[in-house]
Amino acid sequence: MSLDALPKAVRPDGRLRLVIFDCDGVLIDSEGPSCRLVAQELRQIGLDYGDEEAVQRLAGRALTRIKIEAEAQTGRKLPDDWATIVQYKLVDLMREEARVIDGAHDMLTAVIGLDLPVRVGSNSSIAEMDVKFARTGLDRFVADRVHSARDMGKPKPDPAVYLHAAETEGVPADECVVLEDTDTGASAARAAGMACVLLRPLDLPAPDWPGLFRIGHLSEFAPFLERIQAAQATHGVRS
């Protein structure tokens, strides 16, 4: 693979200037409860998703897209405000059930210690993320640095939320690294021209794209970034 095929953020001759995190499955352990709630709503219109199947089918998916696909599969019309109603229910659920992903506090501390700014770009609403981060204590790391693809009306795999985060920071897209856990989110990072690290057990399948890397645990992320910075410093370029 040619060096030029990689975003500048991960090239030895490039610059790493911003780290952008997905929320659910990366910082917050909410995919299970959230997907089970959505599955419960879908069962009311005849989609027989079991709770575990729902996680496989729905994780990382935008509610608006889930609504369109559910209507197509069942032939039944959901209320126009279905996604908004479910979103309110998710906010209430997360007040009680949001949990932090193992290692997230230490990882964020380490990344910030590398003198790298961080932002969050998620398909969750700002209201939902505020509840999740407050409950888990992650708000001290990401306060006022959170962006919602849902609130923008451009959910992933649209790259808009990641491009907006980079623009807000004043950083070119190809000088950003995104940490994701879903193919949908990784597709958004790729479309934005950003490097992406996929948090996923290494025995599970993943796309094979230039600029896509993999880790199995959050403890591996800061050392990965540190190696990039060291390589760039060797070449006389440092963020």
Protein backbone atom coordinates (compact mmCIF):
# COMPACT_ATOMS: atom_id res chain seq x y z
CA MET A 1 0.00 0.00 0.00
CA SER A 2 1.35 3.41 -0.99
CA LEU A 3 2.09 5.84 1.82
CA ASP A 4 0.06 8.43 -0.07
CA ALA A 5 -3.04 6.25 0.35
CA LEU A 6 -3.01 6.93 4.11
CA PRO A 7 -4.44 10.06 5.72
CA LYS A 8 -1.74 12.43 6.96
CA ALA A 9 -2.69 11.75 10.57
CA VAL A 10 -1.03 8.32 10.48
CA ARG A 11 1.83 8.97 8.05
CA PRO A 12 5.36 9.45 9.36
CA ASP A 13 5.59 12.60 7.21
CA GLY A 14 2.16 13.82 8.30
CA ARG A 15 0.51 15.42 11.30
CA LEU A 16 -1.84 14.04 13.94
CA ARG A 17 -3.83 16.94 15.37
CA LEU A 18 -7.24 15.69 16.57
CA VAL A 19 -8.76 12.50 17.96
CA ILE A 20 -12.50 12.00 17.45
CA PHE A 21 -14.39 9.33 19.37
CA ASP A 22 -17.62 7.61 18.60
CA CYS A 23 -19.75 7.37 21.75
CA ASP A 24 -21.68 4.10 22.01
CA GLY A 25 -19.51 1.01 22.06
CA VAL A 26 -16.34 3.11 22.33
CA LEU A 27 -16.80 5.29 25.42
CA ILE A 28 -20.24 4.26 26.67
CA ASP A 29 -21.50 0.69 27.04
CA SER A 30 -25.07 1.36 25.94
CA GLU A 31 -25.51 -0.67 22.77
CA GLY A 32 -27.18 -3.59 24.54
CA PRO A 33 -29.84 -1.66 26.48
CA SER A 34 -30.45 0.73 23.58
CA CYS A 35 -30.88 -2.02 20.98
CA ARG A 36 -33.16 -3.99 23.29
CA LEU A 37 -35.39 -0.95 23.75
CA VAL A 38 -35.58 -0.36 19.99
CA ALA A 39 -36.30 -4.07 19.42
CA GLN A 40 -39.16 -3.85 21.90
CA GLU A 41 -40.61 -0.95 19.91
CA LEU A 42 -40.23 -2.84 16.63
CA ARG A 43 -41.91 -5.95 17.99
CA GLN A 44 -45.05 -3.87 18.37
CA ILE A 45 -45.30 -3.64 14.57
CA GLY A 46 -44.50 -7.26 13.88
CA LEU A 47 -40.70 -7.40 13.61
CA ASP A 48 -39.74 -10.32 15.82
CA TYR A 49 -36.24 -9.28 16.84
CA GLY A 50 -34.88 -11.08 19.86
CA ASP A 51 -32.78 -8.98 22.22
CA GLU A 52 -29.43 -10.45 21.15
CA GLU A 53 -30.34 -10.39 17.46
CA ALA A 54 -31.25 -6.73 17.89
CA VAL A 55 -27.72 -5.86 18.99
CA GLN A 56 -26.32 -7.47 15.84
CA ARG A 57 -28.84 -5.81 13.55
CA LEU A 58 -29.25 -2.38 15.11
CA ALA A 59 -25.98 -1.37 16.78
CA GLY A 60 -24.68 1.89 15.36
CA ARG A 61 -27.75 2.41 13.17
CA ALA A 62 -29.64 5.71 13.01
CA LEU A 63 -33.25 5.60 14.25
CA THR A 64 -34.43 7.32 11.09
CA ARG A 65 -32.90 4.58 8.95
CA ILE A 66 -34.28 1.85 11.23
CA LYS A 67 -37.75 3.39 10.84
CA ILE A 68 -37.55 3.38 7.03
CA GLU A 69 -36.36 -0.21 6.91
CA ALA A 70 -38.94 -1.42 9.45
CA GLU A 71 -41.76 0.15 7.43
CA ALA A 72 -40.45 -1.49 4.24
CA GLN A 73 -40.22 -4.90 5.91
CA THR A 74 -43.62 -4.84 7.56
CA GLY A 75 -45.66 -2.69 5.19
CA ARG A 76 -46.85 -0.77 8.24
CA LYS A 77 -46.52 2.99 8.69
CA LEU A 78 -44.89 4.25 11.86
CA PRO A 79 -45.71 7.71 13.24
CA ASP A 80 -43.73 10.51 11.64
CA ASP A 81 -42.23 11.32 15.05
CA TRP A 82 -41.39 7.69 15.88
CA ALA A 83 -37.63 8.32 15.96
CA THR A 84 -38.08 11.32 18.24
CA ILE A 85 -40.32 9.37 20.62
CA VAL A 86 -37.83 6.51 20.81
CA GLN A 87 -35.02 8.99 21.33
CA TYR A 88 -36.78 10.41 24.41
CA LYS A 89 -37.15 6.88 25.75
CA LEU A 90 -33.45 6.24 25.18
CA VAL A 91 -32.53 9.36 27.16
CA ASP A 92 -34.64 8.15 30.08
CA LEU A 93 -33.10 4.68 29.82
CA MET A 94 -29.54 6.00 29.81
CA ARG A 95 -30.13 7.94 33.02
CA GLU A 96 -30.30 4.55 34.72
CA GLU A 97 -28.33 2.13 32.53
CA ALA A 98 -25.40 3.92 30.86
CA ARG A 99 -22.10 2.30 31.79
CA VAL A 100 -18.56 3.24 30.85
CA ILE A 101 -16.58 0.99 28.51
CA ASP A 102 -13.80 -0.75 30.41
CA GLY A 103 -10.68 1.39 30.30
CA ALA A 104 -12.30 4.56 28.93
CA HIS A 105 -11.27 6.84 31.79
CA ASP A 106 -7.64 5.74 31.67
CA MET A 107 -7.56 5.88 27.88
CA LEU A 108 -8.92 9.44 27.73
CA THR A 109 -6.46 10.54 30.39
CA ALA A 110 -3.60 9.04 28.37
CA VAL A 111 -4.72 10.55 25.05
CA ILE A 112 -5.09 14.01 26.54
CA GLY A 113 -1.68 13.49 28.16
CA LEU A 114 -0.23 13.19 24.64
CA ASP A 115 -1.30 16.82 24.13
CA LEU A 116 -3.98 15.78 21.65
CA PRO A 117 -7.39 17.51 21.63
CA VAL A 118 -10.42 15.21 21.63
CA ARG A 119 -13.96 15.47 20.34
CA VAL A 120 -16.95 13.11 20.11
CA GLY A 121 -19.04 12.47 17.00
CA SER A 122 -22.05 10.19 17.48
CA ASN A 123 -25.40 9.17 16.05
CA SER A 124 -26.85 9.75 19.53
CA SER A 125 -28.51 13.06 20.29
CA ILE A 126 -26.79 15.69 22.42
CA ALA A 127 -29.45 15.18 25.09
CA GLU A 128 -28.70 11.46 25.24
CA MET A 129 -24.94 11.95 25.33
CA ASP A 130 -25.21 14.57 28.07
CA VAL A 131 -27.01 12.00 30.24
CA LYS A 132 -24.53 9.23 29.42
CA PHE A 133 -21.43 11.32 30.07
CA ALA A 134 -22.80 12.82 33.27
CA ARG A 135 -23.74 9.40 34.65
CA THR A 136 -20.35 7.86 33.86
CA GLY A 137 -18.17 10.84 34.75
CA LEU A 138 -16.79 11.18 31.23
CA ASP A 139 -18.21 14.69 30.96
CA ARG A 140 -15.02 16.05 32.53
CA PHE A 141 -13.12 14.89 29.43
CA VAL A 142 -15.54 15.87 26.66
CA ALA A 143 -17.65 18.78 27.95
CA ASP A 144 -18.57 21.17 25.11
CA ARG A 145 -16.69 18.99 22.62
CA VAL A 146 -19.57 16.74 21.58
CA HIS A 147 -21.28 16.62 18.17
CA SER A 148 -24.48 14.80 17.21
CA ALA A 149 -25.08 13.43 13.72
CA ARG A 150 -28.71 12.89 14.71
CA ASP A 151 -29.20 16.52 15.69
CA MET A 152 -27.53 17.55 12.42
CA GLY A 153 -29.98 15.38 10.50
CA LYS A 154 -27.06 13.56 8.83
CA PRO A 155 -26.49 10.26 10.63
CA LYS A 156 -23.52 8.03 9.89
CA PRO A 157 -22.44 6.64 7.47
CA ASP A 158 -22.74 10.25 6.31
CA PRO A 159 -19.36 11.82 7.23
CA ALA A 160 -20.92 15.19 8.17
CA VAL A 161 -20.53 14.85 11.94
CA TYR A 162 -16.83 14.01 11.68
CA LEU A 163 -16.18 16.79 9.19
CA HIS A 164 -18.02 19.22 11.47
CA ALA A 165 -15.93 18.16 14.47
CA ALA A 166 -12.72 18.73 12.51
CA GLU A 167 -13.91 22.08 11.19
CA THR A 168 -14.89 23.22 14.68
CA GLU A 169 -11.41 22.34 15.93
CA GLY A 170 -9.87 24.08 12.92
CA VAL A 171 -8.09 20.92 11.77
CA PRO A 172 -8.00 19.37 8.26
CA ALA A 173 -9.91 16.10 8.01
CA ASP A 174 -6.85 14.08 6.98
CA GLU A 175 -5.05 15.11 10.17
CA CYS A 176 -7.69 13.41 12.37
CA VAL A 177 -7.94 9.91 13.79
CA VAL A 178 -11.36 8.44 14.61
CA LEU A 179 -11.98 5.64 17.12
CA GLU A 180 -15.02 3.57 16.10
CA ASP A 181 -16.55 0.18 16.81
CA THR A 182 -19.00 -0.30 13.91
CA ASP A 183 -18.65 -0.64 10.15
CA THR A 184 -21.19 2.18 9.80
CA GLY A 185 -19.03 4.56 11.80
CA ALA A 186 -15.83 3.42 10.11
CA SER A 187 -17.48 4.09 6.75
CA ALA A 188 -18.24 7.63 7.90
CA ALA A 189 -14.62 8.19 8.93
CA ARG A 190 -13.42 6.80 5.63
CA ALA A 191 -15.78 9.05 3.67
CA ALA A 192 -14.47 12.01 5.67
CA GLY A 193 -10.90 11.17 4.61
CA MET A 194 -9.86 10.41 8.18
CA ALA A 195 -7.79 7.59 9.59
CA CYS A 196 -9.86 5.19 11.68
CA VAL A 197 -9.07 2.75 14.46
CA LEU A 198 -11.66 0.02 14.86
CA LEU A 199 -12.24 -1.22 18.42
CA ARG A 200 -13.24 -4.84 17.90
CA PRO A 201 -12.07 -8.28 19.06
CA LEU A 202 -9.41 -9.37 16.61
CA ASP A 203 -11.14 -12.70 15.92
CA LEU A 204 -14.15 -10.92 14.40
CA PRO A 205 -14.28 -9.79 10.74
CA ALA A 206 -13.60 -6.20 9.72
CA PRO A 207 -13.30 -4.22 6.48
CA ASP A 208 -9.92 -4.09 4.78
CA TRP A 209 -9.44 -0.41 3.94
CA PRO A 210 -6.37 1.82 3.69
CA GLY A 211 -6.19 3.90 6.85
CA LEU A 212 -8.24 1.44 8.94
CA PHE A 213 -6.43 -0.05 11.93
CA ARG A 214 -7.63 -2.39 14.67
CA ILE A 215 -7.32 -2.75 18.42
CA GLY A 216 -8.95 -5.25 20.73
CA HIS A 217 -9.05 -3.11 23.88
CA LEU A 218 -9.05 0.59 24.74
CA SER A 219 -5.72 0.20 26.55
CA GLU A 220 -4.07 -0.21 23.14
CA PHE A 221 -5.27 3.11 21.73
CA ALA A 222 -3.03 5.68 23.43
CA PRO A 223 0.14 3.62 22.73
CA PHE A 224 -0.95 3.43 19.07
CA LEU A 225 -1.20 7.23 18.93
CA GLU A 226 2.10 7.61 20.76
CA ARG A 227 3.85 5.47 18.15
CA ILE A 228 2.45 7.69 15.41
CA GLN A 229 3.66 10.82 17.18
CA ALA A 230 7.10 9.30 17.68
CA ALA A 231 7.38 8.43 13.98
CA GLN A 232 6.32 11.92 13.00
CA ALA A 233 8.80 13.48 15.42
CA THR A 234 11.57 11.38 13.85
CA HIS A 235 10.64 12.89 10.48
CA GLY A 236 10.68 16.39 11.95
CA VAL A 237 6.89 16.82 11.96
CA ARG A 238 5.00 16.99 15.22
CA SER A 239 1.44 18.05 15.96
